[in-house]
Amino acid sequence: MLETLFNLGHYKVSLLNILVVAGLMFIAFVLRRLVQRSLKKYLSSAKIRLEGRRVTYLKIFTQSIYAIFAYIAILSFNLNNKDVTFGKFLESEIIKTSKFQLSFENILMVVLIIFGAKVLLNFVHLFLQRRFRKDNQFDKGTEYVYMQVAKYIIYIFAFFMCLGALNVEPSIFLGGSAALLVGLGLGLQDVFKDMFSGFVLLFEGSIRVGDVIEFNDGKSSESIVAKILRIHVRTTQIETRDGNVLIVPNTKLTQEYIENWSHGSHLSRFRIPITVHYGTDTQMVSDLLIQAAMSHPKVKKTEPVQVRMVEFGENGLQMELIFWADQSWDINEYKSEIRFEIDRLFRHYGIVIPYPQREVHVFGKH
């Protein structure tokens, strides 16, 4: 098991080294889970709420277990190498050419930069939570926008810092990829449109996380009412009334007509169309429709409830009940309950809703 399989820099790597490193990483993974679970159980029994700064500290503490076991894994190379220390291991070069050099120190710096970016993002999230929760007019959508912008900025800086840690000039990287970016730009125009629309949604604030919107997907005549779950750079996740989560391109929400129920007045006027037979007492129908609407608790009693005669239809008198209610996620349920009440009242008073009828005359030859 100590036979050399390959060289990693100046060090020999055997099957035993691979097994030891894999075993240590597995132990670190299991230990981190056990420590995290035990701490949460202790804090829960002590009635200490795990939120805000405590969550960030817990993540940093549990993730530091990987660093400890990584240090032990490096020292385990002494099994078949002489005088392996942490400092010498970092200084050993993996790749060395006339234009590029890569050592374990470079890799460690990249790992630390990524880890530091995540830690910084956790602290930014904590700061934004405290900043917005103190505001009486707390807006979860605005907090989400700031968090997304902070994430993009931190990750962009982390990317260029990683290039510096690998001794790669950003100007060379960008210059060499200019032609490639031009080609990608021509082939991925729709993707870049969605990305630009994503930034518009994040900064403009016309549609935010938690808003309820109504739009047409272009596949059916009926509109879709959905709740905004997440806004990403290219797509937006929405949840329909059926509980389905849809992924919608951002251009769909910026270039087409969207009705945002969460903006402006909370009240909206809704209609329930209905048809009755010719010759029916229209005054009684109007009174019963108003009675059915007024009996529902979600209908605003301070706003007028009206009944209109729309037109003289082919099958009967076409009327509509008009009422005001909150732009609620469950408005279809409210309409259904009002229709049930209308049907009950119509049955009680003998008012019939007609159905389409056709007369067919057959003329035979004499």
Protein backbone atom coordinates (compact mmCIF):
# COMPACT_ATOMS: atom_id res chain seq x y z
CA MET A 1 0.00 0.00 0.00
CA LEU A 2 3.07 2.26 0.29
CA GLU A 3 4.03 1.85 -3.34
CA THR A 4 4.09 5.16 -5.19
CA LEU A 5 1.15 5.63 -7.53
CA PHE A 6 2.04 9.13 -8.69
CA ASN A 7 3.89 12.25 -7.54
CA LEU A 8 2.10 15.29 -6.19
CA GLY A 9 4.67 18.04 -6.46
CA HIS A 10 7.75 16.79 -4.57
CA TYR A 11 5.76 14.23 -2.60
CA LYS A 12 5.00 10.60 -3.33
CA VAL A 13 1.37 9.53 -3.17
CA SER A 14 0.47 5.94 -2.38
CA LEU A 15 -2.78 4.07 -1.99
CA LEU A 16 -2.45 4.40 1.79
CA ASN A 17 -2.22 8.20 1.49
CA ILE A 18 -5.42 8.30 -0.57
CA LEU A 19 -7.27 6.06 1.88
CA VAL A 20 -6.12 8.09 4.89
CA VAL A 21 -7.12 11.43 3.32
CA ALA A 22 -10.51 10.04 2.21
CA GLY A 23 -11.09 8.55 5.66
CA LEU A 24 -10.19 11.80 7.43
CA MET A 25 -12.54 13.82 5.21
CA PHE A 26 -15.35 11.32 5.84
CA ILE A 27 -14.73 11.51 9.60
CA ALA A 28 -14.76 15.33 9.36
CA PHE A 29 -18.09 15.23 7.52
CA VAL A 30 -19.69 12.91 10.08
CA LEU A 31 -18.20 14.80 13.04
CA ARG A 32 -19.45 18.13 11.68
CA ARG A 33 -22.97 16.73 11.40
CA LEU A 34 -22.84 15.30 14.93
CA VAL A 35 -21.49 18.52 16.43
CA GLN A 36 -24.07 20.62 14.60
CA ARG A 37 -26.91 18.36 15.69
CA SER A 38 -25.71 18.24 19.30
CA LEU A 39 -25.34 22.01 19.53
CA LYS A 40 -28.80 22.59 18.10
CA LYS A 41 -30.26 20.04 20.52
CA TYR A 42 -28.49 21.70 23.47
CA LEU A 43 -29.58 25.19 22.46
CA SER A 44 -33.14 23.98 21.98
CA SER A 45 -33.22 22.33 25.45
CA ALA A 46 -31.74 25.50 26.96
CA LYS A 47 -34.45 27.52 25.16
CA ILE A 48 -31.86 29.56 23.29
CA ARG A 49 -33.15 30.72 19.92
CA LEU A 50 -30.78 29.91 17.09
CA GLU A 51 -31.01 32.90 14.79
CA GLY A 52 -29.05 35.82 13.44
CA ARG A 53 -25.46 35.98 14.65
CA ARG A 54 -25.66 32.60 16.42
CA VAL A 55 -26.44 30.87 13.10
CA THR A 56 -23.40 32.51 11.47
CA TYR A 57 -21.11 31.56 14.35
CA LEU A 58 -22.41 27.99 14.31
CA LYS A 59 -21.68 27.67 10.58
CA ILE A 60 -18.14 29.03 11.01
CA PHE A 61 -17.46 26.74 13.99
CA THR A 62 -18.72 23.57 12.31
CA GLN A 63 -16.98 24.31 9.00
CA SER A 64 -13.66 24.85 10.84
CA ILE A 65 -13.67 21.09 11.52
CA TYR A 66 -12.76 20.57 7.86
CA ALA A 67 -9.73 22.85 8.27
CA ILE A 68 -8.47 20.85 11.27
CA PHE A 69 -8.79 17.53 9.47
CA ALA A 70 -7.21 18.98 6.32
CA TYR A 71 -4.17 19.90 8.43
CA ILE A 72 -4.02 16.35 9.80
CA ALA A 73 -4.38 14.95 6.26
CA ILE A 74 -1.33 16.94 5.12
CA LEU A 75 0.77 15.62 8.01
CA SER A 76 -0.33 12.07 7.11
CA PHE A 77 2.00 12.25 4.07
CA ASN A 78 4.84 11.54 6.53
CA LEU A 79 3.85 7.89 6.18
CA ASN A 80 5.90 7.57 3.01
CA ASN A 81 7.67 10.97 2.78
CA LYS A 82 10.35 12.54 4.95
CA ASP A 83 9.99 15.78 6.93
CA VAL A 84 6.56 16.81 5.65
CA THR A 85 5.44 20.00 7.40
CA PHE A 86 2.47 22.22 6.70
CA GLY A 87 4.66 25.10 5.51
CA LYS A 88 6.80 22.98 3.20
CA PHE A 89 3.72 21.28 1.80
CA LEU A 90 2.19 24.62 0.86
CA GLU A 91 5.39 25.80 -0.81
CA SER A 92 5.70 22.70 -3.01
CA GLU A 93 4.77 23.35 -6.63
CA ILE A 94 2.29 21.20 -8.51
CA ILE A 95 2.64 22.84 -11.93
CA LYS A 96 5.61 24.89 -13.04
CA THR A 97 6.03 26.32 -16.53
CA SER A 98 7.60 29.45 -17.98
CA LYS A 99 4.25 31.28 -17.86
CA PHE A 100 2.35 29.66 -15.01
CA GLN A 101 3.13 28.24 -11.58
CA LEU A 102 0.71 26.53 -9.23
CA SER A 103 1.49 25.49 -5.66
CA PHE A 104 -0.59 24.21 -2.77
CA GLU A 105 -0.39 27.70 -1.29
CA ASN A 106 -2.26 29.05 -4.30
CA ILE A 107 -4.95 26.42 -3.90
CA LEU A 108 -5.25 27.17 -0.18
CA MET A 109 -5.63 30.88 -0.91
CA VAL A 110 -8.45 30.15 -3.37
CA VAL A 111 -10.22 27.97 -0.81
CA LEU A 112 -9.83 30.66 1.87
CA ILE A 113 -11.13 33.37 -0.48
CA ILE A 114 -14.24 31.32 -1.31
CA PHE A 115 -14.77 30.48 2.37
CA GLY A 116 -14.27 34.14 3.33
CA ALA A 117 -16.79 35.24 0.67
CA LYS A 118 -19.40 32.89 2.15
CA VAL A 119 -18.69 34.11 5.69
CA LEU A 120 -18.91 37.74 4.56
CA LEU A 121 -22.18 36.99 2.81
CA ASN A 122 -23.58 35.51 6.03
CA PHE A 123 -22.64 38.66 7.96
CA VAL A 124 -24.16 40.88 5.25
CA HIS A 125 -27.35 38.82 5.48
CA LEU A 126 -27.34 39.24 9.25
CA PHE A 127 -26.81 43.01 8.93
CA LEU A 128 -29.63 43.38 6.40
CA GLN A 129 -32.00 41.36 8.56
CA ARG A 130 -31.35 43.61 11.55
CA ARG A 131 -31.53 46.74 9.42
CA PHE A 132 -34.86 45.91 7.81
CA ARG A 133 -36.56 44.25 10.79
CA LYS A 134 -36.15 47.44 12.81
CA ASP A 135 -38.12 49.33 10.18
CA ASN A 136 -41.87 49.40 10.84
CA GLN A 137 -42.48 49.36 7.09
CA PHE A 138 -40.50 46.17 6.63
CA ASP A 139 -40.44 44.94 3.04
CA LYS A 140 -39.16 41.42 2.48
CA GLY A 141 -38.84 42.03 -1.25
CA THR A 142 -36.48 44.99 -0.75
CA GLU A 143 -34.33 42.93 1.65
CA TYR A 144 -34.12 40.20 -0.99
CA VAL A 145 -32.97 42.71 -3.64
CA TYR A 146 -30.17 44.05 -1.42
CA MET A 147 -29.11 40.50 -0.57
CA GLN A 148 -28.94 39.46 -4.21
CA VAL A 149 -26.94 42.56 -5.19
CA ALA A 150 -24.53 41.99 -2.29
CA LYS A 151 -24.12 38.35 -3.37
CA TYR A 152 -23.21 39.34 -6.93
CA ILE A 153 -20.73 42.02 -5.80
CA ILE A 154 -19.01 39.74 -3.25
CA TYR A 155 -18.72 36.83 -5.68
CA ILE A 156 -17.35 39.06 -8.47
CA PHE A 157 -14.65 40.44 -6.15
CA ALA A 158 -13.92 36.91 -4.91
CA PHE A 159 -13.52 35.73 -8.52
CA PHE A 160 -10.90 38.37 -9.31
CA MET A 161 -9.14 37.73 -5.99
CA CYS A 162 -8.95 34.03 -6.92
CA LEU A 163 -7.34 35.02 -10.22
CA GLY A 164 -4.79 37.06 -8.27
CA ALA A 165 -4.13 34.15 -5.91
CA LEU A 166 -3.44 31.94 -8.94
CA ASN A 167 -1.09 34.60 -10.40
CA VAL A 168 -3.39 35.09 -13.40
CA GLU A 169 -3.65 38.63 -14.78
CA PRO A 170 -7.34 39.59 -15.14
CA SER A 171 -6.50 41.71 -18.22
CA ILE A 172 -5.03 38.66 -19.98
CA PHE A 173 -8.04 36.60 -19.00
CA LEU A 174 -10.51 39.17 -20.29
CA GLY A 175 -8.51 40.00 -23.42
CA GLY A 176 -8.09 36.37 -24.41
CA SER A 177 -11.78 35.71 -23.98
CA ALA A 178 -13.01 38.78 -25.89
CA ALA A 179 -13.54 36.88 -29.13
CA LEU A 180 -15.23 34.05 -27.24
CA LEU A 181 -17.56 36.50 -25.48
CA VAL A 182 -18.53 38.08 -28.80
CA GLY A 183 -19.42 34.66 -30.19
CA LEU A 184 -21.37 33.74 -27.08
CA GLY A 185 -23.15 37.09 -27.17
CA LEU A 186 -24.44 36.44 -30.67
CA GLY A 187 -25.51 32.89 -29.88
CA LEU A 188 -27.01 33.63 -26.47
CA GLN A 189 -28.94 36.82 -27.13
CA ASP A 190 -32.07 35.54 -25.37
CA VAL A 191 -30.04 34.55 -22.32
CA PHE A 192 -28.51 38.03 -22.06
CA LYS A 193 -31.95 39.58 -22.50
CA ASP A 194 -33.20 37.53 -19.56
CA MET A 195 -30.15 38.53 -17.50
CA PHE A 196 -30.66 42.23 -18.23
CA SER A 197 -34.36 41.86 -17.36
CA GLY A 198 -33.31 40.20 -14.10
CA PHE A 199 -31.28 43.25 -13.08
CA VAL A 200 -34.23 45.47 -14.06
CA LEU A 201 -36.54 43.47 -11.79
CA LEU A 202 -34.07 43.56 -8.90
CA PHE A 203 -33.33 47.30 -9.06
CA GLU A 204 -36.64 48.71 -10.31
CA GLY A 205 -38.76 47.05 -7.64
CA SER A 206 -41.94 46.87 -9.73
CA ILE A 207 -42.13 43.14 -8.96
CA ARG A 208 -40.70 41.84 -5.70
CA VAL A 209 -40.48 38.59 -3.78
CA GLY A 210 -43.83 37.85 -2.15
CA ASP A 211 -45.90 39.83 -4.68
CA VAL A 212 -48.98 38.25 -6.22
CA ILE A 213 -49.16 38.85 -9.96
CA GLU A 214 -51.54 38.02 -12.80
CA PHE A 215 -50.29 37.45 -16.33
CA ASN A 216 -50.93 35.38 -19.44
CA ASP A 217 -48.44 32.69 -20.39
CA GLY A 218 -49.48 32.79 -24.05
CA LYS A 219 -50.53 29.11 -24.04
CA SER A 220 -54.12 29.57 -22.87
CA SER A 221 -56.77 32.26 -22.81
CA GLU A 222 -56.95 32.21 -19.01
CA SER A 223 -54.59 34.32 -16.94
CA ILE A 224 -52.25 32.83 -14.36
CA VAL A 225 -52.27 34.16 -10.81
CA ALA A 226 -49.00 33.37 -9.06
CA LYS A 227 -46.80 34.38 -6.15
CA ILE A 228 -43.18 35.45 -6.65
CA LEU A 229 -40.84 33.09 -4.76
CA ARG A 230 -37.35 34.02 -6.01
CA ILE A 231 -35.88 36.40 -8.57
CA HIS A 232 -32.62 35.20 -10.10
CA VAL A 233 -30.46 36.84 -12.73
CA ARG A 234 -32.01 34.95 -15.65
CA THR A 235 -35.24 33.38 -14.36
CA THR A 236 -37.91 33.91 -11.73
CA GLN A 237 -39.57 31.20 -9.66
CA ILE A 238 -43.32 31.59 -9.17
CA GLU A 239 -45.90 29.47 -7.36
CA THR A 240 -49.37 29.04 -8.84
CA ARG A 241 -52.61 28.53 -6.93
CA ASP A 242 -52.31 24.80 -7.63
CA GLY A 243 -49.03 24.72 -5.70
CA ASN A 244 -46.92 24.22 -8.82
CA VAL A 245 -43.57 26.03 -9.01
CA LEU A 246 -42.86 27.45 -12.47
CA ILE A 247 -39.59 28.82 -13.84
CA VAL A 248 -40.37 31.92 -15.92
CA PRO A 249 -37.82 33.83 -18.05
CA ASN A 250 -37.36 37.35 -16.72
CA THR A 251 -38.24 38.90 -20.09
CA LYS A 252 -41.75 37.50 -19.60
CA LEU A 253 -42.16 39.78 -16.57
CA THR A 254 -40.60 42.91 -18.05
CA GLN A 255 -41.78 42.99 -21.67
CA GLU A 256 -45.40 41.87 -21.28
CA TYR A 257 -48.49 43.13 -19.47
CA ILE A 258 -48.35 42.14 -15.78
CA GLU A 259 -50.96 43.01 -13.16
CA ASN A 260 -49.36 43.25 -9.72
CA TRP A 261 -51.99 42.65 -7.07
CA SER A 262 -49.61 43.65 -4.28
CA HIS A 263 -49.12 47.22 -5.55
CA GLY A 264 -51.56 50.07 -5.36
CA SER A 265 -54.99 49.62 -3.81
CA HIS A 266 -55.69 46.35 -2.04
CA LEU A 267 -59.29 46.50 -3.21
CA SER A 268 -60.39 45.35 -6.64
CA ARG A 269 -63.71 44.96 -8.41
CA PHE A 270 -64.73 41.45 -9.43
CA ARG A 271 -67.52 40.16 -11.67
CA ILE A 272 -69.67 37.02 -11.72
CA PRO A 273 -71.62 36.62 -14.98
CA ILE A 274 -74.99 34.84 -14.95
CA THR A 275 -77.84 34.19 -17.40
CA VAL A 276 -81.56 33.85 -16.59
CA HIS A 277 -84.59 32.98 -18.72
CA TYR A 278 -86.49 35.64 -20.64
CA GLY A 279 -89.55 36.69 -18.67
CA THR A 280 -87.86 36.23 -15.27
CA ASP A 281 -88.44 38.96 -12.69
CA THR A 282 -85.19 40.87 -13.14
CA GLN A 283 -85.73 42.93 -10.00
CA MET A 284 -85.94 39.76 -7.92
CA VAL A 285 -82.82 38.40 -9.64
CA SER A 286 -80.97 41.63 -8.85
CA ASP A 287 -82.04 41.52 -5.18
CA LEU A 288 -81.00 37.87 -4.82
CA LEU A 289 -77.60 38.45 -6.43
CA ILE A 290 -76.92 41.38 -4.11
CA GLN A 291 -78.09 39.28 -1.13
CA ALA A 292 -75.69 36.45 -2.11
CA ALA A 293 -72.75 38.84 -2.40
CA MET A 294 -73.51 40.70 0.83
CA SER A 295 -73.71 37.44 2.76
CA HIS A 296 -70.06 36.64 2.02
CA PRO A 297 -67.65 37.92 4.73
CA LYS A 298 -64.90 38.87 2.26
CA VAL A 299 -67.08 41.23 0.21
CA LYS A 300 -66.53 44.86 1.23
CA LYS A 301 -69.82 46.12 2.64
CA THR A 302 -68.63 49.73 2.46
CA GLU A 303 -68.38 49.54 -1.34
CA PRO A 304 -71.41 49.33 -3.66
CA VAL A 305 -72.59 45.92 -4.85
CA GLN A 306 -74.20 46.22 -8.29
CA VAL A 307 -76.08 44.10 -10.78
CA ARG A 308 -75.93 45.02 -14.46
CA MET A 309 -77.91 43.85 -17.45
CA VAL A 310 -75.14 43.12 -19.95
CA GLU A 311 -77.18 42.21 -23.03
CA PHE A 312 -80.09 40.25 -24.45
CA GLY A 313 -78.34 36.99 -25.26
CA GLU A 314 -79.31 34.07 -27.46
CA ASN A 315 -80.27 31.87 -24.51
CA GLY A 316 -81.49 34.43 -21.99
CA LEU A 317 -80.86 37.69 -20.18
CA GLN A 318 -77.15 38.06 -19.53
CA MET A 319 -76.43 39.81 -16.23
CA GLU A 320 -73.38 40.25 -14.03
CA LEU A 321 -72.85 40.68 -10.32
CA ILE A 322 -70.21 43.30 -9.44
CA PHE A 323 -68.64 43.50 -5.99
CA TRP A 324 -65.47 44.77 -4.31
CA ALA A 325 -63.07 42.59 -2.34
CA ASP A 326 -59.39 42.33 -1.43
CA GLN A 327 -57.06 41.17 -4.17
CA SER A 328 -56.67 37.90 -2.36
CA TRP A 329 -54.81 34.76 -3.33
CA ASP A 330 -58.11 32.89 -2.68
CA ILE A 331 -60.43 35.11 -4.73
CA ASN A 332 -61.53 32.14 -6.87
CA GLU A 333 -62.65 30.35 -3.70
CA TYR A 334 -64.68 33.42 -2.68
CA LYS A 335 -66.34 33.54 -6.10
CA SER A 336 -67.17 29.85 -5.86
CA GLU A 337 -68.80 30.32 -2.45
CA ILE A 338 -70.89 33.21 -3.79
CA ARG A 339 -71.98 31.08 -6.76
CA PHE A 340 -73.08 28.31 -4.38
CA GLU A 341 -75.20 30.86 -2.50
CA ILE A 342 -76.67 32.18 -5.77
CA ASP A 343 -77.61 28.64 -6.81
CA ARG A 344 -79.28 28.02 -3.43
CA LEU A 345 -81.30 31.23 -3.61
CA PHE A 346 -82.33 30.63 -7.22
CA ARG A 347 -83.54 27.11 -6.40
CA HIS A 348 -85.50 28.43 -3.43
CA TYR A 349 -87.25 31.12 -5.46
CA GLY A 350 -87.69 29.06 -8.62
CA ILE A 351 -85.38 31.07 -10.87
CA VAL A 352 -83.98 28.94 -13.68
CA ILE A 353 -80.62 29.34 -15.35
CA PRO A 354 -81.11 28.37 -19.02
CA TYR A 355 -78.82 26.17 -21.03
CA PRO A 356 -78.16 26.48 -24.77
CA GLN A 357 -80.95 25.06 -26.92
CA ARG A 358 -81.19 24.60 -30.67
CA GLU A 359 -84.23 23.82 -32.79
CA VAL A 360 -83.69 21.61 -35.79
CA HIS A 361 -86.28 21.65 -38.58
CA VAL A 362 -86.15 18.78 -41.05
CA PHE A 363 -87.76 19.40 -44.39
CA GLY A 364 -88.58 16.29 -46.38
CA LYS A 365 -89.30 15.97 -50.10
CA HIS A 366 -92.93 15.44 -51.15
